[in-house]
Amino acid sequence: MIHRDSQGQVLQRGDTVILIKDLTVKGANFTAKRGTAVRKISLVPDNPGQIEGRVEDQKIVILTEYVRKV
């Protein structure tokens, strides 16, 4: 499976991505702001539309349509 960001670039484990939209994090009391860098991402193995990363010390699942590779 190939994971791609919002611009079609291929994402790999350990990449750094930037959020392109404010995202409300379910189960936590914060919003991940647009422009936030998410470093050392990991890929969800069974879903090419999702990645995992840490934002404000919380591990969250992010849809690849809301990120772009740095």
Protein backbone atom coordinates (compact mmCIF):
# COMPACT_ATOMS: atom_id res chain seq x y z
CA MET A 1 0.00 0.00 0.00
CA ILE A 2 1.17 3.48 -0.85
CA HIS A 3 0.36 6.39 1.45
CA ARG A 4 0.12 9.79 -0.28
CA ASP A 5 -0.30 13.30 1.12
CA SER A 6 -2.79 15.90 -0.12
CA GLN A 7 -0.47 16.82 -3.01
CA GLY A 8 0.15 13.24 -4.12
CA GLN A 9 3.67 12.87 -2.70
CA VAL A 10 4.51 9.42 -1.33
CA LEU A 11 4.78 9.28 2.46
CA GLN A 12 7.21 6.98 4.25
CA ARG A 13 7.71 6.03 7.87
CA GLY A 14 9.74 8.68 9.71
CA ASP A 15 8.76 11.58 7.42
CA THR A 16 7.76 15.00 8.68
CA VAL A 17 4.43 16.43 7.55
CA ILE A 18 2.57 19.69 8.13
CA LEU A 19 -1.16 19.96 8.82
CA ILE A 20 -3.03 21.96 6.18
CA LYS A 21 -6.23 22.32 8.21
CA ASP A 22 -7.21 22.80 11.87
CA LEU A 23 -8.23 19.38 13.20
CA THR A 24 -10.32 18.72 16.30
CA VAL A 25 -8.83 15.74 18.12
CA LYS A 26 -11.51 13.36 19.37
CA GLY A 27 -10.95 12.09 22.90
CA ALA A 28 -8.63 14.97 23.76
CA ASN A 29 -9.31 18.56 24.68
CA PHE A 30 -7.42 20.39 21.96
CA THR A 31 -7.37 21.33 18.31
CA ALA A 32 -4.32 20.58 16.18
CA LYS A 33 -3.68 23.87 14.39
CA ARG A 34 -2.93 24.34 10.71
CA GLY A 35 0.83 24.59 10.14
CA THR A 36 1.72 22.22 12.98
CA ALA A 37 4.66 19.96 12.07
CA VAL A 38 4.21 16.27 12.84
CA ARG A 39 7.61 14.56 12.94
CA LYS A 40 8.49 10.87 12.65
CA ILE A 41 5.13 9.70 11.37
CA SER A 42 4.21 6.04 11.17
CA LEU A 43 1.94 4.52 8.54
CA VAL A 44 -1.27 2.66 9.30
CA PRO A 45 -0.60 -0.70 7.60
CA ASP A 46 -4.15 -1.58 6.52
CA ASN A 47 -5.36 1.89 5.50
CA PRO A 48 -3.47 4.06 2.98
CA GLY A 49 -5.59 7.09 3.94
CA GLN A 50 -4.29 7.29 7.53
CA ILE A 51 -1.02 7.99 9.33
CA GLU A 52 -0.11 8.21 13.01
CA GLY A 53 1.89 10.94 14.69
CA ARG A 54 2.36 12.91 17.89
CA VAL A 55 0.79 16.32 18.38
CA GLU A 56 1.09 17.99 21.81
CA ASP A 57 2.39 14.70 23.27
CA GLN A 58 -0.74 12.81 22.13
CA LYS A 59 -0.48 10.03 19.58
CA ILE A 60 -3.24 10.61 17.03
CA VAL A 61 -4.42 9.18 13.72
CA ILE A 62 -4.46 11.75 10.92
CA LEU A 63 -6.09 11.47 7.51
CA THR A 64 -3.52 11.89 4.75
CA GLU A 65 -5.78 14.37 2.92
CA TYR A 66 -5.05 16.93 5.68
CA VAL A 67 -1.24 16.83 5.53
CA ARG A 68 1.54 17.75 3.14
CA LYS A 69 5.08 16.43 3.17
CA VAL A 70 7.89 18.80 4.12
